[in-house]
Amino acid sequence: MTEAEAGILALPGGDPTSSLINLLDLGELEGARTDEDIFLGPSQQQPHHRVFGGQVLAQSLVAATRTVEEDRAVHSMHGYFLRPGDANKPITFGVQRLRDGRSFSARRVHAYQEGTPILSMIASFQTEDEGIEHESAMPAGIPDPESLPTTADLLGKFDHPVARHWAYERPFDIRHVNPPLYVSATGEKEAANAVWMKTFGPMPDNPNLHRAALAYASDYTLLESILRRHGLSWITPGMNVASLDHAMWWHRPARVDEWLLYVQESPSAQSARGLATGKIFNRAGQHVASVAQEGMVRVPSDLKSKVAGAVQSKVLEHQLRKAGRA
């Protein structure tokens, strides 16, 4: 595969699940051999032209998986987002084979654009084994996903590129248990958040593809546990939010085309950084994965931003009333 063939993944009006499958179908870069295995992947178009963090995490995991024996599945990864990625350019993935032991393999992956790293990640793989077991209990009293509004229900009437992307172009159906933070922050100011999620369409019966897709989805909504604690929504004027790192542990098999509950909380925020952790459960109540991420959250305190926020809130209230009458 050449960089021209990798291109940009854009399927406006198409099937979001097929888009996700194509996104995770990396190609080997012809003629490029160093001490790394080299792969090339497309970028998914985004309203702000920045690569979605879950995308590059999932693609890096696919690249690493391509270099290990088939009987070894990923059980953990730890990655750092080094620079924003350009969603208008493909991404090159260099995989270094750090170790292959009797039961475990370790791989280091760097994701590059134009020779500059945008992500550095190490993943560990293990052969299936037996041992002691215990798991966290799934929270009780969570409403069924079918009873909750879809993102399209909440944002579909807004004529804005970000709202349209979140409502119709993301490959996962995300349904908030708590009041969503898309356009306002209502309800209790607690450092907690929970969503149900699954792909809109069926996925192939490839466990490694489901693991990578779960890594993709794990970057959704995780930092909302930080925002909710401080009464912030995603459209807070002047707010700047960015993921700094991402760690994930796979505990048990899971299918991403079946409903999964993603329970999130934030134990601490300080120095314009917040830590968020998450537990992912299948509908049977099994604890299938855990996630941790630190994010940068900068909120301006100047008078100009506060005035702009008050004006924006009034405009938003008008849009909500108008959308409600449509």
C-alpha atoms as a PDB file:
ATOM      1  CA  MET A   1       0.000   0.000   0.000  1.00  0.00           C
ATOM      2  CA  THR A   2       1.187   3.496  -0.824  1.00  0.00           C
ATOM      3  CA  GLU A   3       0.296   6.734   0.976  1.00  0.00           C
ATOM      4  CA  ALA A   4      -1.884   7.716  -1.968  1.00  0.00           C
ATOM      5  CA  GLU A   5      -3.792   4.445  -1.649  1.00  0.00           C
ATOM      6  CA  ALA A   6      -4.243   4.917   2.090  1.00  0.00           C
ATOM      7  CA  GLY A   7      -5.916   8.269   1.600  1.00  0.00           C
ATOM      8  CA  ILE A   8      -8.602   9.755   3.792  1.00  0.00           C
ATOM      9  CA  LEU A   9     -11.567   7.757   5.007  1.00  0.00           C
ATOM     10  CA  ALA A  10     -14.721   9.716   4.293  1.00  0.00           C
ATOM     11  CA  LEU A  11     -18.070   8.017   3.767  1.00  0.00           C
ATOM     12  CA  PRO A  12     -20.646  10.821   4.042  1.00  0.00           C
ATOM     13  CA  GLY A  13     -24.095   9.319   4.230  1.00  0.00           C
ATOM     14  CA  GLY A  14     -22.614   5.799   4.306  1.00  0.00           C
ATOM     15  CA  ASP A  15     -22.602   3.050   6.900  1.00  0.00           C
ATOM     16  CA  PRO A  16     -20.592   4.154   9.992  1.00  0.00           C
ATOM     17  CA  THR A  17     -19.863   0.541  10.992  1.00  0.00           C
ATOM     18  CA  SER A  18     -18.335  -0.231   7.583  1.00  0.00           C
ATOM     19  CA  SER A  19     -16.317   2.950   7.957  1.00  0.00           C
ATOM     20  CA  LEU A  20     -14.904   1.669  11.267  1.00  0.00           C
ATOM     21  CA  ILE A  21     -14.024  -1.733   9.759  1.00  0.00           C
ATOM     22  CA  ASN A  22     -12.231  -0.063   6.828  1.00  0.00           C
ATOM     23  CA  LEU A  23     -10.430   2.276   9.210  1.00  0.00           C
ATOM     24  CA  LEU A  24      -8.950  -0.682  11.107  1.00  0.00           C
ATOM     25  CA  ASP A  25      -7.882  -2.532   7.939  1.00  0.00           C
ATOM     26  CA  LEU A  26      -4.263  -1.355   7.816  1.00  0.00           C
ATOM     27  CA  GLY A  27      -1.951  -2.062   4.907  1.00  0.00           C
ATOM     28  CA  GLU A  28       1.747  -2.847   4.909  1.00  0.00           C
ATOM     29  CA  LEU A  29       3.843  -0.013   3.491  1.00  0.00           C
ATOM     30  CA  GLU A  30       5.677  -1.396   0.486  1.00  0.00           C
ATOM     31  CA  GLY A  31       9.425  -0.926   0.289  1.00  0.00           C
ATOM     32  CA  ALA A  32       9.778   0.393   3.879  1.00  0.00           C
ATOM     33  CA  ARG A  33      11.802  -1.845   6.199  1.00  0.00           C
ATOM     34  CA  THR A  34      13.843  -0.785   9.248  1.00  0.00           C
ATOM     35  CA  ASP A  35      13.963  -2.398  12.682  1.00  0.00           C
ATOM     36  CA  GLU A  36      10.197  -1.807  12.695  1.00  0.00           C
ATOM     37  CA  ASP A  37       7.276  -3.400  10.891  1.00  0.00           C
ATOM     38  CA  ILE A  38       5.630  -0.571   8.953  1.00  0.00           C
ATOM     39  CA  PHE A  39       1.905  -0.209   8.330  1.00  0.00           C
ATOM     40  CA  LEU A  40      -0.214   2.546   6.824  1.00  0.00           C
ATOM     41  CA  GLY A  41      -3.750   3.536   7.721  1.00  0.00           C
ATOM     42  CA  PRO A  42      -6.299   6.122   6.598  1.00  0.00           C
ATOM     43  CA  SER A  43      -7.571   9.002   8.681  1.00  0.00           C
ATOM     44  CA  GLN A  44     -11.222   9.557   9.422  1.00  0.00           C
ATOM     45  CA  GLN A  45     -12.559  12.979   8.538  1.00  0.00           C
ATOM     46  CA  GLN A  46     -13.473  15.102  11.557  1.00  0.00           C
ATOM     47  CA  PRO A  47     -15.250  18.485  11.818  1.00  0.00           C
ATOM     48  CA  HIS A  48     -12.191  20.139  13.382  1.00  0.00           C
ATOM     49  CA  HIS A  49      -9.735  18.259  11.114  1.00  0.00           C
ATOM     50  CA  ARG A  50      -7.971  16.649  14.093  1.00  0.00           C
ATOM     51  CA  VAL A  51      -7.547  12.891  14.352  1.00  0.00           C
ATOM     52  CA  PHE A  52      -9.835  11.311  16.956  1.00  0.00           C
ATOM     53  CA  GLY A  53      -7.658   9.804  19.699  1.00  0.00           C
ATOM     54  CA  GLY A  54      -9.609   6.545  19.748  1.00  0.00           C
ATOM     55  CA  GLN A  55      -8.861   6.097  16.059  1.00  0.00           C
ATOM     56  CA  VAL A  56      -5.080   6.215  16.386  1.00  0.00           C
ATOM     57  CA  LEU A  57      -5.203   4.026  19.528  1.00  0.00           C
ATOM     58  CA  ALA A  58      -7.211   1.356  17.728  1.00  0.00           C
ATOM     59  CA  GLN A  59      -5.073   1.491  14.592  1.00  0.00           C
ATOM     60  CA  SER A  60      -1.870   1.239  16.653  1.00  0.00           C
ATOM     61  CA  LEU A  61      -3.296  -1.816  18.373  1.00  0.00           C
ATOM     62  CA  VAL A  62      -4.165  -3.413  15.017  1.00  0.00           C
ATOM     63  CA  ALA A  63      -0.612  -2.785  13.807  1.00  0.00           C
ATOM     64  CA  ALA A  64       0.884  -4.375  16.926  1.00  0.00           C
ATOM     65  CA  THR A  65      -1.476  -7.357  16.729  1.00  0.00           C
ATOM     66  CA  ARG A  66      -0.333  -8.054  13.167  1.00  0.00           C
ATOM     67  CA  THR A  67       3.171  -8.843  14.498  1.00  0.00           C
ATOM     68  CA  VAL A  68       2.345 -11.375  17.249  1.00  0.00           C
ATOM     69  CA  GLU A  69       1.336 -15.031  17.114  1.00  0.00           C
ATOM     70  CA  GLU A  70      -2.371 -15.657  16.617  1.00  0.00           C
ATOM     71  CA  ASP A  71      -2.743 -17.342  20.017  1.00  0.00           C
ATOM     72  CA  ARG A  72      -1.664 -14.160  21.863  1.00  0.00           C
ATOM     73  CA  ALA A  73      -4.322 -11.553  22.577  1.00  0.00           C
ATOM     74  CA  VAL A  74      -3.733  -8.025  23.848  1.00  0.00           C
ATOM     75  CA  HIS A  75      -4.333  -7.648  27.583  1.00  0.00           C
ATOM     76  CA  SER A  76      -3.033  -4.102  28.151  1.00  0.00           C
ATOM     77  CA  MET A  77      -1.763  -0.988  26.429  1.00  0.00           C
ATOM     78  CA  HIS A  78      -0.332   2.321  27.625  1.00  0.00           C
ATOM     79  CA  GLY A  79      -0.094   5.236  25.218  1.00  0.00           C
ATOM     80  CA  TYR A  80       0.806   8.919  25.147  1.00  0.00           C
ATOM     81  CA  PHE A  81      -0.743  11.420  22.749  1.00  0.00           C
ATOM     82  CA  LEU A  82       2.283  13.470  21.706  1.00  0.00           C
ATOM     83  CA  ARG A  83       0.797  15.845  19.118  1.00  0.00           C
ATOM     84  CA  PRO A  84      -2.568  16.497  17.462  1.00  0.00           C
ATOM     85  CA  GLY A  85      -3.037  14.417  14.337  1.00  0.00           C
ATOM     86  CA  ASP A  86      -4.164  15.874  10.993  1.00  0.00           C
ATOM     87  CA  ALA A  87      -7.384  14.148   9.894  1.00  0.00           C
ATOM     88  CA  ASN A  88      -6.631  15.099   6.290  1.00  0.00           C
ATOM     89  CA  LYS A  89      -3.508  12.909   6.117  1.00  0.00           C
ATOM     90  CA  PRO A  90      -2.844   9.163   6.457  1.00  0.00           C
ATOM     91  CA  ILE A  91      -0.914   7.742   9.415  1.00  0.00           C
ATOM     92  CA  THR A  92       2.184   5.520   9.353  1.00  0.00           C
ATOM     93  CA  PHE A  93       2.615   2.964  12.152  1.00  0.00           C
ATOM     94  CA  GLY A  94       6.017   1.597  13.137  1.00  0.00           C
ATOM     95  CA  VAL A  95       5.965  -1.528  15.320  1.00  0.00           C
ATOM     96  CA  GLN A  96       9.066  -2.612  17.241  1.00  0.00           C
ATOM     97  CA  ARG A  97       9.129  -6.204  18.523  1.00  0.00           C
ATOM     98  CA  LEU A  98      10.398  -5.698  22.060  1.00  0.00           C
ATOM     99  CA  ARG A  99       9.998  -9.227  23.429  1.00  0.00           C
ATOM    100  CA  ASP A 100       8.491 -12.625  22.703  1.00  0.00           C
ATOM    101  CA  GLY A 101       8.525 -14.845  25.789  1.00  0.00           C
ATOM    102  CA  ARG A 102       6.897 -18.175  26.511  1.00  0.00           C
ATOM    103  CA  SER A 103       3.555 -16.583  27.442  1.00  0.00           C
ATOM    104  CA  PHE A 104       3.868 -12.834  26.840  1.00  0.00           C
ATOM    105  CA  SER A 105       4.848 -10.562  23.944  1.00  0.00           C
ATOM    106  CA  ALA A 106       5.516  -6.831  24.089  1.00  0.00           C
ATOM    107  CA  ARG A 107       5.293  -4.367  21.203  1.00  0.00           C
ATOM    108  CA  ARG A 108       6.085  -0.667  20.952  1.00  0.00           C
ATOM    109  CA  VAL A 109       4.143   1.328  18.357  1.00  0.00           C
ATOM    110  CA  HIS A 110       4.811   4.833  17.137  1.00  0.00           C
ATOM    111  CA  ALA A 111       2.194   6.540  14.964  1.00  0.00           C
ATOM    112  CA  TYR A 112       3.687   9.092  12.556  1.00  0.00           C
ATOM    113  CA  GLN A 113       2.469  11.802  10.226  1.00  0.00           C
ATOM    114  CA  GLU A 114       5.063  13.200   7.847  1.00  0.00           C
ATOM    115  CA  GLY A 115       7.807  11.571   9.929  1.00  0.00           C
ATOM    116  CA  THR A 116       6.724  13.155  13.233  1.00  0.00           C
ATOM    117  CA  PRO A 117       5.308  10.936  16.018  1.00  0.00           C
ATOM    118  CA  ILE A 118       1.782  11.764  17.191  1.00  0.00           C
ATOM    119  CA  LEU A 119       1.356   8.734  19.501  1.00  0.00           C
ATOM    120  CA  SER A 120       3.700   6.435  21.392  1.00  0.00           C
ATOM    121  CA  MET A 121       2.235   3.220  22.766  1.00  0.00           C
ATOM    122  CA  ILE A 122       3.361  -0.078  24.313  1.00  0.00           C
ATOM    123  CA  ALA A 123       1.040  -3.084  24.266  1.00  0.00           C
ATOM    124  CA  SER A 124       1.365  -6.481  25.931  1.00  0.00           C
ATOM    125  CA  PHE A 125      -0.066  -9.750  24.618  1.00  0.00           C
ATOM    126  CA  GLN A 126      -0.587 -13.094  26.372  1.00  0.00           C
ATOM    127  CA  THR A 127      -1.506 -16.644  25.501  1.00  0.00           C
ATOM    128  CA  GLU A 128      -4.727 -17.889  27.116  1.00  0.00           C
ATOM    129  CA  ASP A 129      -4.096 -19.168  30.635  1.00  0.00           C
ATOM    130  CA  GLU A 130      -5.928 -20.295  33.771  1.00  0.00           C
ATOM    131  CA  GLY A 131      -5.691 -18.754  37.232  1.00  0.00           C
ATOM    132  CA  ILE A 132      -7.523 -17.024  40.074  1.00  0.00           C
ATOM    133  CA  GLU A 133     -10.515 -14.864  39.168  1.00  0.00           C
ATOM    134  CA  HIS A 134     -12.655 -12.082  40.591  1.00  0.00           C
ATOM    135  CA  GLU A 135     -14.316  -9.001  39.101  1.00  0.00           C
ATOM    136  CA  SER A 136     -16.114  -5.776  39.955  1.00  0.00           C
ATOM    137  CA  ALA A 137     -19.884  -5.893  40.104  1.00  0.00           C
ATOM    138  CA  MET A 138     -21.883  -3.997  37.510  1.00  0.00           C
ATOM    139  CA  PRO A 139     -23.734  -1.062  39.122  1.00  0.00           C
ATOM    140  CA  ALA A 140     -27.376  -1.707  39.927  1.00  0.00           C
ATOM    141  CA  GLY A 141     -30.304   0.446  38.872  1.00  0.00           C
ATOM    142  CA  ILE A 142     -28.943   1.393  35.431  1.00  0.00           C
ATOM    143  CA  PRO A 143     -31.744   1.957  32.877  1.00  0.00           C
ATOM    144  CA  ASP A 144     -31.770  -0.228  29.775  1.00  0.00           C
ATOM    145  CA  PRO A 145     -30.188   1.373  26.683  1.00  0.00           C
ATOM    146  CA  GLU A 146     -33.425   1.019  24.721  1.00  0.00           C
ATOM    147  CA  SER A 147     -35.077   3.431  27.157  1.00  0.00           C
ATOM    148  CA  LEU A 148     -32.489   6.186  26.587  1.00  0.00           C
ATOM    149  CA  PRO A 149     -32.341   8.756  23.767  1.00  0.00           C
ATOM    150  CA  THR A 150     -29.816   8.357  20.970  1.00  0.00           C
ATOM    151  CA  THR A 151     -27.314  11.063  20.080  1.00  0.00           C
ATOM    152  CA  ALA A 152     -29.366  11.675  16.934  1.00  0.00           C
ATOM    153  CA  ASP A 153     -32.434  12.262  19.103  1.00  0.00           C
ATOM    154  CA  LEU A 154     -30.498  14.886  21.078  1.00  0.00           C
ATOM    155  CA  LEU A 155     -28.467  16.611  18.358  1.00  0.00           C
ATOM    156  CA  GLY A 156     -30.070  15.669  15.054  1.00  0.00           C
ATOM    157  CA  LYS A 157     -31.986  18.939  14.701  1.00  0.00           C
ATOM    158  CA  PHE A 158     -28.924  21.167  15.192  1.00  0.00           C
ATOM    159  CA  ASP A 159     -27.525  22.605  11.968  1.00  0.00           C
ATOM    160  CA  HIS A 160     -23.868  22.432  12.997  1.00  0.00           C
ATOM    161  CA  PRO A 161     -21.057  20.238  11.583  1.00  0.00           C
ATOM    162  CA  VAL A 162     -20.011  18.864  14.991  1.00  0.00           C
ATOM    163  CA  ALA A 163     -23.619  18.077  15.946  1.00  0.00           C
ATOM    164  CA  ARG A 164     -24.185  16.326  12.586  1.00  0.00           C
ATOM    165  CA  HIS A 165     -20.966  14.327  12.979  1.00  0.00           C
ATOM    166  CA  TRP A 166     -21.801  13.195  16.513  1.00  0.00           C
ATOM    167  CA  ALA A 167     -25.400  12.430  15.583  1.00  0.00           C
ATOM    168  CA  TYR A 168     -24.930  10.543  12.301  1.00  0.00           C
ATOM    169  CA  GLU A 169     -21.296   9.803  11.412  1.00  0.00           C
ATOM    170  CA  ARG A 170     -19.782   8.147  14.482  1.00  0.00           C
ATOM    171  CA  PRO A 171     -19.678   4.331  14.241  1.00  0.00           C
ATOM    172  CA  PHE A 172     -20.959   3.844  17.814  1.00  0.00           C
ATOM    173  CA  ASP A 173     -24.437   4.383  19.198  1.00  0.00           C
ATOM    174  CA  ILE A 174     -23.796   6.291  22.451  1.00  0.00           C
ATOM    175  CA  ARG A 175     -26.616   6.649  24.985  1.00  0.00           C
ATOM    176  CA  HIS A 176     -26.058   8.617  28.176  1.00  0.00           C
ATOM    177  CA  VAL A 177     -27.325   7.377  31.517  1.00  0.00           C
ATOM    178  CA  ASN A 178     -26.637  10.807  33.083  1.00  0.00           C
ATOM    179  CA  PRO A 179     -27.869  14.026  31.436  1.00  0.00           C
ATOM    180  CA  PRO A 180     -25.640  14.493  28.344  1.00  0.00           C
ATOM    181  CA  LEU A 181     -23.079  17.307  28.334  1.00  0.00           C
ATOM    182  CA  TYR A 182     -23.277  18.087  24.623  1.00  0.00           C
ATOM    183  CA  VAL A 183     -24.819  21.545  24.969  1.00  0.00           C
ATOM    184  CA  SER A 184     -25.492  22.055  28.696  1.00  0.00           C
ATOM    185  CA  ALA A 185     -24.515  20.725  32.114  1.00  0.00           C
ATOM    186  CA  THR A 186     -27.600  19.927  34.163  1.00  0.00           C
ATOM    187  CA  GLY A 187     -28.140  17.668  37.134  1.00  0.00           C
ATOM    188  CA  GLU A 188     -25.876  16.899  40.056  1.00  0.00           C
ATOM    189  CA  LYS A 189     -22.239  18.033  39.918  1.00  0.00           C
ATOM    190  CA  GLU A 190     -20.704  14.628  40.520  1.00  0.00           C
ATOM    191  CA  ALA A 191     -17.411  13.226  39.242  1.00  0.00           C
ATOM    192  CA  ALA A 192     -19.197  10.366  37.508  1.00  0.00           C
ATOM    193  CA  ASN A 193     -20.601   9.478  34.105  1.00  0.00           C
ATOM    194  CA  ALA A 194     -22.068   6.407  32.430  1.00  0.00           C
ATOM    195  CA  VAL A 195     -23.049   5.520  28.871  1.00  0.00           C
ATOM    196  CA  TRP A 196     -24.283   2.498  26.969  1.00  0.00           C
ATOM    197  CA  MET A 197     -22.501   1.941  23.653  1.00  0.00           C
ATOM    198  CA  LYS A 198     -22.372  -0.436  20.691  1.00  0.00           C
ATOM    199  CA  THR A 199     -21.692  -0.232  16.975  1.00  0.00           C
ATOM    200  CA  PHE A 200     -24.668   0.636  14.796  1.00  0.00           C
ATOM    201  CA  GLY A 201     -24.183  -2.457  12.657  1.00  0.00           C
ATOM    202  CA  PRO A 202     -22.792  -5.980  13.058  1.00  0.00           C
ATOM    203  CA  MET A 203     -19.031  -6.554  13.158  1.00  0.00           C
ATOM    204  CA  PRO A 204     -17.079  -9.524  11.740  1.00  0.00           C
ATOM    205  CA  ASP A 205     -16.431 -12.471  14.080  1.00  0.00           C
ATOM    206  CA  ASN A 206     -12.814 -11.465  14.672  1.00  0.00           C
ATOM    207  CA  PRO A 207     -11.964 -11.104  18.390  1.00  0.00           C
ATOM    208  CA  ASN A 208      -8.926  -8.909  17.648  1.00  0.00           C
ATOM    209  CA  LEU A 209     -11.102  -6.530  15.627  1.00  0.00           C
ATOM    210  CA  HIS A 210     -13.540  -6.279  18.545  1.00  0.00           C
ATOM    211  CA  ARG A 211     -10.669  -5.546  20.950  1.00  0.00           C
ATOM    212  CA  ALA A 212      -9.389  -2.768  18.688  1.00  0.00           C
ATOM    213  CA  ALA A 213     -12.874  -1.328  18.221  1.00  0.00           C
ATOM    214  CA  LEU A 214     -13.347  -1.326  21.993  1.00  0.00           C
ATOM    215  CA  ALA A 215     -10.130   0.695  22.291  1.00  0.00           C
ATOM    216  CA  TYR A 216     -11.609   3.106  19.733  1.00  0.00           C
ATOM    217  CA  ALA A 217     -14.804   3.523  21.753  1.00  0.00           C
ATOM    218  CA  SER A 218     -12.987   3.780  25.101  1.00  0.00           C
ATOM    219  CA  ASP A 219     -11.920   7.320  24.171  1.00  0.00           C
ATOM    220  CA  TYR A 220     -15.561   8.451  23.975  1.00  0.00           C
ATOM    221  CA  THR A 221     -17.019  10.413  26.917  1.00  0.00           C
ATOM    222  CA  LEU A 222     -14.329   9.382  29.456  1.00  0.00           C
ATOM    223  CA  LEU A 223     -13.370  12.941  30.369  1.00  0.00           C
ATOM    224  CA  GLU A 224     -17.026  13.837  30.951  1.00  0.00           C
ATOM    225  CA  SER A 225     -16.676  12.622  34.545  1.00  0.00           C
ATOM    226  CA  ILE A 226     -14.297  15.571  35.035  1.00  0.00           C
ATOM    227  CA  LEU A 227     -16.503  18.089  33.240  1.00  0.00           C
ATOM    228  CA  ARG A 228     -19.664  17.021  35.077  1.00  0.00           C
ATOM    229  CA  ARG A 229     -18.032  17.551  38.483  1.00  0.00           C
ATOM    230  CA  HIS A 230     -17.489  21.234  37.612  1.00  0.00           C
ATOM    231  CA  GLY A 231     -20.728  21.923  35.755  1.00  0.00           C
ATOM    232  CA  LEU A 232     -19.060  22.185  32.333  1.00  0.00           C
ATOM    233  CA  SER A 233     -20.486  21.203  28.953  1.00  0.00           C
ATOM    234  CA  TRP A 234     -18.598  20.543  25.730  1.00  0.00           C
ATOM    235  CA  ILE A 235     -19.504  24.003  24.401  1.00  0.00           C
ATOM    236  CA  THR A 236     -18.255  25.963  27.418  1.00  0.00           C
ATOM    237  CA  PRO A 237     -16.763  29.113  25.781  1.00  0.00           C
ATOM    238  CA  GLY A 238     -12.983  29.163  25.683  1.00  0.00           C
ATOM    239  CA  MET A 239     -12.616  25.717  27.273  1.00  0.00           C
ATOM    240  CA  ASN A 240      -9.739  23.627  25.950  1.00  0.00           C
ATOM    241  CA  VAL A 241      -9.820  19.854  26.498  1.00  0.00           C
ATOM    242  CA  ALA A 242      -7.245  17.343  25.224  1.00  0.00           C
ATOM    243  CA  SER A 243      -6.347  13.755  26.071  1.00  0.00           C
ATOM    244  CA  LEU A 244      -2.779  13.396  27.347  1.00  0.00           C
ATOM    245  CA  ASP A 245      -2.477   9.634  27.712  1.00  0.00           C
ATOM    246  CA  HIS A 246      -4.577   6.479  27.656  1.00  0.00           C
ATOM    247  CA  ALA A 247      -4.255   3.104  29.356  1.00  0.00           C
ATOM    248  CA  MET A 248      -6.501   0.104  28.857  1.00  0.00           C
ATOM    249  CA  TRP A 249      -6.760  -3.441  30.181  1.00  0.00           C
ATOM    250  CA  TRP A 250      -8.823  -6.184  28.512  1.00  0.00           C
ATOM    251  CA  HIS A 251     -10.137  -8.656  31.090  1.00  0.00           C
ATOM    252  CA  ARG A 252     -12.669 -10.809  29.241  1.00  0.00           C
ATOM    253  CA  PRO A 253     -13.913 -11.226  25.654  1.00  0.00           C
ATOM    254  CA  ALA A 254     -16.561  -8.757  24.497  1.00  0.00           C
ATOM    255  CA  ARG A 255     -18.420  -7.921  21.320  1.00  0.00           C
ATOM    256  CA  VAL A 256     -18.708  -4.249  20.426  1.00  0.00           C
ATOM    257  CA  ASP A 257     -21.839  -4.882  18.338  1.00  0.00           C
ATOM    258  CA  GLU A 258     -23.684  -5.762  21.546  1.00  0.00           C
ATOM    259  CA  TRP A 259     -24.561  -3.268  24.269  1.00  0.00           C
ATOM    260  CA  LEU A 260     -21.728  -2.422  26.692  1.00  0.00           C
ATOM    261  CA  LEU A 261     -22.021  -0.239  29.796  1.00  0.00           C
ATOM    262  CA  TYR A 262     -19.139   2.224  30.271  1.00  0.00           C
ATOM    263  CA  VAL A 263     -19.058   3.486  33.889  1.00  0.00           C
ATOM    264  CA  GLN A 264     -16.670   6.403  34.488  1.00  0.00           C
ATOM    265  CA  GLU A 265     -15.435   8.460  37.421  1.00  0.00           C
ATOM    266  CA  SER A 266     -12.780  11.091  38.146  1.00  0.00           C
ATOM    267  CA  PRO A 267     -10.807  10.674  41.389  1.00  0.00           C
ATOM    268  CA  SER A 268      -8.824  13.924  41.017  1.00  0.00           C
ATOM    269  CA  ALA A 269      -8.351  17.143  39.037  1.00  0.00           C
ATOM    270  CA  GLN A 270      -5.557  19.694  39.547  1.00  0.00           C
ATOM    271  CA  SER A 271      -3.035  21.848  37.637  1.00  0.00           C
ATOM    272  CA  ALA A 272      -5.347  21.994  34.574  1.00  0.00           C
ATOM    273  CA  ARG A 273      -5.300  18.172  34.438  1.00  0.00           C
ATOM    274  CA  GLY A 274      -7.947  15.656  35.394  1.00  0.00           C
ATOM    275  CA  LEU A 275      -7.768  11.891  35.820  1.00  0.00           C
ATOM    276  CA  ALA A 276     -10.653   9.738  34.629  1.00  0.00           C
ATOM    277  CA  THR A 277     -11.105   6.001  35.042  1.00  0.00           C
ATOM    278  CA  GLY A 278     -13.634   3.679  33.492  1.00  0.00           C
ATOM    279  CA  LYS A 279     -15.017   0.158  33.780  1.00  0.00           C
ATOM    280  CA  ILE A 280     -16.727  -1.554  30.856  1.00  0.00           C
ATOM    281  CA  PHE A 281     -19.359  -4.250  31.436  1.00  0.00           C
ATOM    282  CA  ASN A 282     -21.284  -6.435  29.026  1.00  0.00           C
ATOM    283  CA  ARG A 283     -25.017  -6.743  29.422  1.00  0.00           C
ATOM    284  CA  ALA A 284     -24.618  -9.955  31.406  1.00  0.00           C
ATOM    285  CA  GLY A 285     -22.729  -7.952  34.044  1.00  0.00           C
ATOM    286  CA  GLN A 286     -19.223  -9.226  33.302  1.00  0.00           C
ATOM    287  CA  HIS A 287     -16.393  -6.726  33.793  1.00  0.00           C
ATOM    288  CA  VAL A 288     -14.743  -6.909  30.351  1.00  0.00           C
ATOM    289  CA  ALA A 289     -12.265  -3.987  30.381  1.00  0.00           C
ATOM    290  CA  SER A 290     -10.842  -1.098  32.416  1.00  0.00           C
ATOM    291  CA  VAL A 291      -9.574   2.281  31.208  1.00  0.00           C
ATOM    292  CA  ALA A 292      -7.644   5.238  32.633  1.00  0.00           C
ATOM    293  CA  GLN A 293      -6.905   8.565  31.005  1.00  0.00           C
ATOM    294  CA  GLU A 294      -5.493  11.910  32.065  1.00  0.00           C
ATOM    295  CA  GLY A 295      -6.769  14.943  30.201  1.00  0.00           C
ATOM    296  CA  MET A 296      -5.875  18.580  30.036  1.00  0.00           C
ATOM    297  CA  VAL A 297      -8.850  20.783  30.946  1.00  0.00           C
ATOM    298  CA  ARG A 298      -8.315  24.539  30.751  1.00  0.00           C
ATOM    299  CA  VAL A 299     -11.250  26.806  31.573  1.00  0.00           C
ATOM    300  CA  PRO A 300     -10.837  30.587  31.142  1.00  0.00           C
ATOM    301  CA  SER A 301     -11.880  32.796  34.039  1.00  0.00           C
ATOM    302  CA  ASP A 302     -11.718  36.185  32.308  1.00  0.00           C
ATOM    303  CA  LEU A 303     -14.759  38.457  32.042  1.00  0.00           C
ATOM    304  CA  LYS A 304     -14.805  38.385  28.228  1.00  0.00           C
ATOM    305  CA  SER A 305     -15.271  34.617  28.164  1.00  0.00           C
ATOM    306  CA  LYS A 306     -17.986  34.776  30.835  1.00  0.00           C
ATOM    307  CA  VAL A 307     -19.936  37.355  28.817  1.00  0.00           C
ATOM    308  CA  ALA A 308     -19.488  35.282  25.662  1.00  0.00           C
ATOM    309  CA  GLY A 309     -20.756  32.264  27.564  1.00  0.00           C
ATOM    310  CA  ALA A 310     -23.881  34.080  28.719  1.00  0.00           C
ATOM    311  CA  VAL A 311     -24.648  35.204  25.153  1.00  0.00           C
ATOM    312  CA  GLN A 312     -23.993  31.722  23.788  1.00  0.00           C
ATOM    313  CA  SER A 313     -26.322  30.227  26.386  1.00  0.00           C
ATOM    314  CA  LYS A 314     -29.135  32.556  25.307  1.00  0.00           C
ATOM    315  CA  VAL A 315     -28.562  31.670  21.655  1.00  0.00           C
ATOM    316  CA  LEU A 316     -28.559  27.989  22.544  1.00  0.00           C
ATOM    317  CA  GLU A 317     -31.810  28.288  24.507  1.00  0.00           C
ATOM    318  CA  HIS A 318     -33.404  29.874  21.443  1.00  0.00           C
ATOM    319  CA  GLN A 319     -32.107  27.075  19.201  1.00  0.00           C
ATOM    320  CA  LEU A 320     -33.394  24.433  21.600  1.00  0.00           C
ATOM    321  CA  ARG A 321     -36.859  25.982  21.678  1.00  0.00           C
ATOM    322  CA  LYS A 322     -36.845  26.258  17.881  1.00  0.00           C
ATOM    323  CA  ALA A 323     -35.688  22.628  17.501  1.00  0.00           C
ATOM    324  CA  GLY A 324     -38.404  21.514  19.910  1.00  0.00           C
ATOM    325  CA  ARG A 325     -41.057  23.120  17.728  1.00  0.00           C
ATOM    326  CA  ALA A 326     -39.691  21.570  14.508  1.00  0.00           C
END
